[in-house]
């Protein structure tokens, strides 16, 4: 089974490409997703890979690994 970002876009069939950082920020990764349990202050962060469809602009984030803080 291929990874979701290696498949065609869910909405238009276009290709997903990883979102890159602008010039001057090449040493940084764009990531998202903070998870916290309701009523608690402890946060869990999950490192994700962010992809954008070149045709329709749809953005998808796929979890790479989970990190605890």
PDB file of N, CA and C in Angstrom:
ATOM      1  N   UNK A   1       0.841  -1.174   0.000  1.00  0.00           N
ATOM      2  CA  UNK A   1       0.000   0.000   0.000  1.00  0.00           C
ATOM      3  C   UNK A   1       0.891   1.244   0.000  1.00  0.00           C
ATOM      4  N   UNK A   2       0.615   2.210  -0.871  1.00  0.00           N
ATOM      5  CA  UNK A   2       1.421   3.424  -0.932  1.00  0.00           C
ATOM      6  C   UNK A   2       0.949   4.421   0.123  1.00  0.00           C
ATOM      7  N   UNK A   3       1.848   5.334   0.462  1.00  0.00           N
ATOM      8  CA  UNK A   3       1.507   6.375   1.421  1.00  0.00           C
ATOM      9  C   UNK A   3       0.439   7.284   0.813  1.00  0.00           C
ATOM     10  N   UNK A   4      -0.441   7.875   1.626  1.00  0.00           N
ATOM     11  CA  UNK A   4      -1.521   8.713   1.093  1.00  0.00           C
ATOM     12  C   UNK A   4      -1.036   9.848   0.200  1.00  0.00           C
ATOM     13  N   UNK A   5       0.127  10.454   0.522  1.00  0.00           N
ATOM     14  CA  UNK A   5       0.600  11.575  -0.286  1.00  0.00           C
ATOM     15  C   UNK A   5       1.190  11.133  -1.621  1.00  0.00           C
ATOM     16  N   UNK A   6       1.395   9.833  -1.810  1.00  0.00           N
ATOM     17  CA  UNK A   6       1.874   9.331  -3.104  1.00  0.00           C
ATOM     18  C   UNK A   6       0.709   8.985  -4.021  1.00  0.00           C
ATOM     19  N   UNK A   7      -0.512   9.107  -3.509  1.00  0.00           N
ATOM     20  CA  UNK A   7      -1.708   8.861  -4.301  1.00  0.00           C
ATOM     21  C   UNK A   7      -2.203  10.174  -4.891  1.00  0.00           C
ATOM     22  N   UNK A   8      -3.132  10.083  -5.827  1.00  0.00           N
ATOM     23  CA  UNK A   8      -3.716  11.279  -6.423  1.00  0.00           C
ATOM     24  C   UNK A   8      -4.523  12.051  -5.381  1.00  0.00           C
ATOM     25  N   UNK A   9      -4.691  13.349  -5.590  1.00  0.00           N
ATOM     26  CA  UNK A   9      -5.477  14.202  -4.703  1.00  0.00           C
ATOM     27  C   UNK A   9      -6.873  13.623  -4.525  1.00  0.00           C
ATOM     28  N   UNK A  10      -7.361  13.680  -3.315  1.00  0.00           N
ATOM     29  CA  UNK A  10      -8.686  13.146  -2.994  1.00  0.00           C
ATOM     30  C   UNK A  10      -9.798  13.873  -3.741  1.00  0.00           C
ATOM     31  N   UNK A  11      -9.580  15.146  -4.092  1.00  0.00           N
ATOM     32  CA  UNK A  11     -10.641  15.975  -4.637  1.00  0.00           C
ATOM     33  C   UNK A  11     -10.598  16.162  -6.147  1.00  0.00           C
ATOM     34  N   UNK A  12      -9.379  16.268  -6.720  1.00  0.00           N
ATOM     35  CA  UNK A  12      -9.310  16.567  -8.161  1.00  0.00           C
ATOM     36  C   UNK A  12      -8.435  15.610  -8.947  1.00  0.00           C
ATOM     37  N   UNK A  13      -7.725  14.710  -8.266  1.00  0.00           N
ATOM     38  CA  UNK A  13      -6.859  13.769  -8.961  1.00  0.00           C
ATOM     39  C   UNK A  13      -5.478  14.316  -9.257  1.00  0.00           C
ATOM     40  N   UNK A  14      -5.179  15.547  -8.792  1.00  0.00           N
ATOM     41  CA  UNK A  14      -3.865  16.149  -9.014  1.00  0.00           C
ATOM     42  C   UNK A  14      -2.780  15.499  -8.166  1.00  0.00           C
ATOM     43  N   UNK A  15      -1.574  16.018  -8.292  1.00  0.00           N
ATOM     44  CA  UNK A  15      -0.422  15.462  -7.583  1.00  0.00           C
ATOM     45  C   UNK A  15      -0.139  16.261  -6.314  1.00  0.00           C
ATOM     46  N   UNK A  16       0.143  15.555  -5.208  1.00  0.00           N
ATOM     47  CA  UNK A  16       0.551  16.209  -3.967  1.00  0.00           C
ATOM     48  C   UNK A  16       2.062  16.410  -3.976  1.00  0.00           C
ATOM     49  N   UNK A  17       2.502  17.624  -3.647  1.00  0.00           N
ATOM     50  CA  UNK A  17       3.912  17.919  -3.465  1.00  0.00           C
ATOM     51  C   UNK A  17       4.106  18.472  -2.071  1.00  0.00           C
ATOM     52  N   UNK A  18       5.215  18.119  -1.443  1.00  0.00           N
ATOM     53  CA  UNK A  18       5.492  18.586  -0.086  1.00  0.00           C
ATOM     54  C   UNK A  18       5.654  20.104  -0.087  1.00  0.00           C
ATOM     55  N   UNK A  19       5.048  20.748   0.891  1.00  0.00           N
ATOM     56  CA  UNK A  19       5.142  22.201   1.017  1.00  0.00           C
ATOM     57  C   UNK A  19       6.558  22.527   1.486  1.00  0.00           C
ATOM     58  N   UNK A  20       7.196  23.438   0.770  1.00  0.00           N
ATOM     59  CA  UNK A  20       8.558  23.833   1.119  1.00  0.00           C
ATOM     60  C   UNK A  20       8.552  25.216   1.747  1.00  0.00           C
ATOM     61  N   UNK A  21       9.584  25.490   2.483  1.00  0.00           N
ATOM     62  CA  UNK A  21       9.717  26.778   3.153  1.00  0.00           C
ATOM     63  C   UNK A  21      10.276  27.809   2.184  1.00  0.00           C
ATOM     64  N   UNK A  22       9.970  29.089   2.402  1.00  0.00           N
ATOM     65  CA  UNK A  22      10.474  30.134   1.509  1.00  0.00           C
ATOM     66  C   UNK A  22      11.987  30.310   1.631  1.00  0.00           C
ATOM     67  N   UNK A  23      12.554  31.033   0.672  1.00  0.00           N
ATOM     68  CA  UNK A  23      13.985  31.299   0.650  1.00  0.00           C
ATOM     69  C   UNK A  23      14.431  31.924   1.974  1.00  0.00           C
ATOM     70  N   UNK A  24      15.547  31.444   2.474  1.00  0.00           N
ATOM     71  CA  UNK A  24      16.062  31.932   3.748  1.00  0.00           C
ATOM     72  C   UNK A  24      15.641  31.069   4.927  1.00  0.00           C
ATOM     73  N   UNK A  25      14.681  30.177   4.719  1.00  0.00           N
ATOM     74  CA  UNK A  25      14.212  29.302   5.794  1.00  0.00           C
ATOM     75  C   UNK A  25      14.353  27.829   5.399  1.00  0.00           C
ATOM     76  N   UNK A  26      15.312  27.526   4.533  1.00  0.00           N
ATOM     77  CA  UNK A  26      15.485  26.172   4.019  1.00  0.00           C
ATOM     78  C   UNK A  26      15.804  25.147   5.106  1.00  0.00           C
ATOM     79  N   UNK A  27      16.345  25.575   6.231  1.00  0.00           N
ATOM     80  CA  UNK A  27      16.719  24.663   7.315  1.00  0.00           C
ATOM     81  C   UNK A  27      15.558  24.362   8.255  1.00  0.00           C
ATOM     82  N   UNK A  28      14.348  24.802   7.910  1.00  0.00           N
ATOM     83  CA  UNK A  28      13.171  24.592   8.738  1.00  0.00           C
ATOM     84  C   UNK A  28      12.195  23.667   8.034  1.00  0.00           C
ATOM     85  N   UNK A  29      11.427  22.907   8.820  1.00  0.00           N
ATOM     86  CA  UNK A  29      10.349  22.071   8.296  1.00  0.00           C
ATOM     87  C   UNK A  29       9.021  22.698   8.672  1.00  0.00           C
ATOM     88  N   UNK A  30       8.065  22.618   7.781  1.00  0.00           N
ATOM     89  CA  UNK A  30       6.706  23.044   8.089  1.00  0.00           C
ATOM     90  C   UNK A  30       5.981  21.842   8.669  1.00  0.00           C
ATOM     91  N   UNK A  31       5.461  21.986   9.859  1.00  0.00           N
ATOM     92  CA  UNK A  31       4.764  20.894  10.523  1.00  0.00           C
ATOM     93  C   UNK A  31       3.550  21.465  11.242  1.00  0.00           C
ATOM     94  N   UNK A  32       2.652  20.586  11.615  1.00  0.00           N
ATOM     95  CA  UNK A  32       1.431  21.017  12.281  1.00  0.00           C
ATOM     96  C   UNK A  32       0.936  19.888  13.177  1.00  0.00           C
ATOM     97  N   UNK A  33      -0.080  20.142  13.945  1.00  0.00           N
ATOM     98  CA  UNK A  33      -0.810  19.181  14.763  1.00  0.00           C
ATOM     99  C   UNK A  33      -0.333  19.143  16.206  1.00  0.00           C
ATOM    100  N   UNK A  34      -1.102  19.764  17.050  1.00  0.00           N
ATOM    101  CA  UNK A  34      -0.896  19.716  18.495  1.00  0.00           C
ATOM    102  C   UNK A  34      -2.096  18.987  19.070  1.00  0.00           C
ATOM    103  N   UNK A  35      -1.822  18.001  19.909  1.00  0.00           N
ATOM    104  CA  UNK A  35      -2.885  17.188  20.485  1.00  0.00           C
ATOM    105  C   UNK A  35      -2.860  17.366  21.999  1.00  0.00           C
ATOM    106  N   UNK A  36      -4.010  17.697  22.582  1.00  0.00           N
ATOM    107  CA  UNK A  36      -4.062  17.742  24.036  1.00  0.00           C
ATOM    108  C   UNK A  36      -5.371  17.116  24.515  1.00  0.00           C
ATOM    109  N   UNK A  37      -5.297  16.503  25.681  1.00  0.00           N
ATOM    110  CA  UNK A  37      -6.467  15.871  26.271  1.00  0.00           C
ATOM    111  C   UNK A  37      -7.330  16.951  26.923  1.00  0.00           C
ATOM    112  N   UNK A  38      -8.614  16.866  26.711  1.00  0.00           N
ATOM    113  CA  UNK A  38      -9.534  17.850  27.270  1.00  0.00           C
ATOM    114  C   UNK A  38      -9.367  17.939  28.778  1.00  0.00           C
ATOM    115  N   UNK A  39      -9.260  19.159  29.277  1.00  0.00           N
ATOM    116  CA  UNK A  39      -9.150  19.372  30.714  1.00  0.00           C
ATOM    117  C   UNK A  39      -7.741  19.252  31.268  1.00  0.00           C
ATOM    118  N   UNK A  40      -6.753  18.917  30.452  1.00  0.00           N
ATOM    119  CA  UNK A  40      -5.374  18.796  30.916  1.00  0.00           C
ATOM    120  C   UNK A  40      -4.497  19.809  30.189  1.00  0.00           C
ATOM    121  N   UNK A  41      -3.388  20.193  30.831  1.00  0.00           N
ATOM    122  CA  UNK A  41      -2.497  21.169  30.217  1.00  0.00           C
ATOM    123  C   UNK A  41      -1.328  20.520  29.482  1.00  0.00           C
ATOM    124  N   UNK A  42      -1.135  19.213  29.639  1.00  0.00           N
ATOM    125  CA  UNK A  42      -0.047  18.521  28.960  1.00  0.00           C
ATOM    126  C   UNK A  42      -0.352  18.444  27.455  1.00  0.00           C
ATOM    127  N   UNK A  43       0.655  18.751  26.652  1.00  0.00           N
ATOM    128  CA  UNK A  43       0.494  18.716  25.202  1.00  0.00           C
ATOM    129  C   UNK A  43       1.294  17.580  24.596  1.00  0.00           C
ATOM    130  N   UNK A  44       0.741  16.979  23.586  1.00  0.00           N
ATOM    131  CA  UNK A  44       1.471  16.037  22.746  1.00  0.00           C
ATOM    132  C   UNK A  44       1.566  16.664  21.371  1.00  0.00           C
ATOM    133  N   UNK A  45       2.729  16.577  20.777  1.00  0.00           N
ATOM    134  CA  UNK A  45       2.899  17.115  19.439  1.00  0.00           C
ATOM    135  C   UNK A  45       3.204  15.966  18.492  1.00  0.00           C
ATOM    136  N   UNK A  46       2.560  15.968  17.378  1.00  0.00           N
ATOM    137  CA  UNK A  46       2.810  14.955  16.364  1.00  0.00           C
ATOM    138  C   UNK A  46       3.463  15.637  15.173  1.00  0.00           C
ATOM    139  N   UNK A  47       4.642  15.178  14.802  1.00  0.00           N
ATOM    140  CA  UNK A  47       5.312  15.740  13.636  1.00  0.00           C
ATOM    141  C   UNK A  47       4.589  15.251  12.391  1.00  0.00           C
ATOM    142  N   UNK A  48       4.271  16.168  11.525  1.00  0.00           N
ATOM    143  CA  UNK A  48       3.549  15.809  10.319  1.00  0.00           C
ATOM    144  C   UNK A  48       4.279  16.314   9.087  1.00  0.00           C
ATOM    145  N   UNK A  49       3.982  15.705   7.975  1.00  0.00           N
ATOM    146  CA  UNK A  49       4.464  16.155   6.680  1.00  0.00           C
ATOM    147  C   UNK A  49       3.296  16.851   6.001  1.00  0.00           C
ATOM    148  N   UNK A  50       3.520  18.061   5.496  1.00  0.00           N
ATOM    149  CA  UNK A  50       2.447  18.852   4.912  1.00  0.00           C
ATOM    150  C   UNK A  50       2.610  18.859   3.390  1.00  0.00           C
ATOM    151  N   UNK A  51       1.529  18.494   2.704  1.00  0.00           N
ATOM    152  CA  UNK A  51       1.533  18.413   1.244  1.00  0.00           C
ATOM    153  C   UNK A  51       0.415  19.270   0.674  1.00  0.00           C
ATOM    154  N   UNK A  52       0.622  19.771  -0.553  1.00  0.00           N
ATOM    155  CA  UNK A  52      -0.361  20.613  -1.237  1.00  0.00           C
ATOM    156  C   UNK A  52      -0.548  20.076  -2.646  1.00  0.00           C
ATOM    157  N   UNK A  53      -1.794  20.013  -3.076  1.00  0.00           N
ATOM    158  CA  UNK A  53      -2.101  19.580  -4.438  1.00  0.00           C
ATOM    159  C   UNK A  53      -1.732  20.696  -5.404  1.00  0.00           C
ATOM    160  N   UNK A  54      -0.986  20.355  -6.458  1.00  0.00           N
ATOM    161  CA  UNK A  54      -0.557  21.375  -7.415  1.00  0.00           C
ATOM    162  C   UNK A  54      -1.708  21.857  -8.299  1.00  0.00           C
ATOM    163  N   UNK A  55      -2.784  21.076  -8.389  1.00  0.00           N
ATOM    164  CA  UNK A  55      -3.905  21.451  -9.246  1.00  0.00           C
ATOM    165  C   UNK A  55      -4.951  22.286  -8.515  1.00  0.00           C
ATOM    166  N   UNK A  56      -5.470  21.793  -7.381  1.00  0.00           N
ATOM    167  CA  UNK A  56      -6.573  22.496  -6.709  1.00  0.00           C
ATOM    168  C   UNK A  56      -6.149  23.224  -5.431  1.00  0.00           C
ATOM    169  N   UNK A  57      -4.925  22.992  -4.952  1.00  0.00           N
ATOM    170  CA  UNK A  57      -4.443  23.684  -3.763  1.00  0.00           C
ATOM    171  C   UNK A  57      -4.825  23.045  -2.446  1.00  0.00           C
ATOM    172  N   UNK A  58      -5.515  21.893  -2.473  1.00  0.00           N
ATOM    173  CA  UNK A  58      -5.890  21.200  -1.239  1.00  0.00           C
ATOM    174  C   UNK A  58      -4.643  20.872  -0.433  1.00  0.00           C
ATOM    175  N   UNK A  59      -4.718  21.106   0.871  1.00  0.00           N
ATOM    176  CA  UNK A  59      -3.582  20.821   1.750  1.00  0.00           C
ATOM    177  C   UNK A  59      -3.932  19.654   2.653  1.00  0.00           C
ATOM    178  N   UNK A  60      -3.019  18.704   2.769  1.00  0.00           N
ATOM    179  CA  UNK A  60      -3.179  17.538   3.630  1.00  0.00           C
ATOM    180  C   UNK A  60      -1.942  17.418   4.512  1.00  0.00           C
ATOM    181  N   UNK A  61      -2.129  17.009   5.755  1.00  0.00           N
ATOM    182  CA  UNK A  61      -1.023  16.762   6.673  1.00  0.00           C
ATOM    183  C   UNK A  61      -1.066  15.297   7.071  1.00  0.00           C
ATOM    184  N   UNK A  62       0.071  14.631   6.978  1.00  0.00           N
ATOM    185  CA  UNK A  62       0.166  13.217   7.292  1.00  0.00           C
ATOM    186  C   UNK A  62       1.156  13.037   8.433  1.00  0.00           C
ATOM    187  N   UNK A  63       0.735  12.312   9.471  1.00  0.00           N
ATOM    188  CA  UNK A  63       1.570  12.125  10.661  1.00  0.00           C
ATOM    189  C   UNK A  63       2.802  11.316  10.328  1.00  0.00           C
ATOM    190  N   UNK A  64       3.955  11.816  10.794  1.00  0.00           N
ATOM    191  CA  UNK A  64       5.219  11.104  10.604  1.00  0.00           C
ATOM    192  C   UNK A  64       5.590  10.332  11.872  1.00  0.00           C
ATOM    193  N   UNK A  65       5.469  10.989  13.022  1.00  0.00           N
ATOM    194  CA  UNK A  65       5.750  10.335  14.296  1.00  0.00           C
ATOM    195  C   UNK A  65       5.120  11.163  15.400  1.00  0.00           C
ATOM    196  N   UNK A  66       4.935  10.566  16.557  1.00  0.00           N
ATOM    197  CA  UNK A  66       4.358  11.286  17.687  1.00  0.00           C
ATOM    198  C   UNK A  66       5.447  11.551  18.720  1.00  0.00           C
ATOM    199  N   UNK A  67       5.501  12.777  19.200  1.00  0.00           N
ATOM    200  CA  UNK A  67       6.465  13.187  20.203  1.00  0.00           C
ATOM    201  C   UNK A  67       5.724  13.676  21.433  1.00  0.00           C
ATOM    202  N   UNK A  68       6.195  13.307  22.621  1.00  0.00           N
ATOM    203  CA  UNK A  68       5.570  13.781  23.852  1.00  0.00           C
ATOM    204  C   UNK A  68       6.367  14.926  24.426  1.00  0.00           C
ATOM    205  N   UNK A  69       5.667  15.882  24.981  1.00  0.00           N
ATOM    206  CA  UNK A  69       6.316  17.023  25.638  1.00  0.00           C
ATOM    207  C   UNK A  69       6.172  16.883  27.133  1.00  0.00           C
TER     208      UNK A  69
END
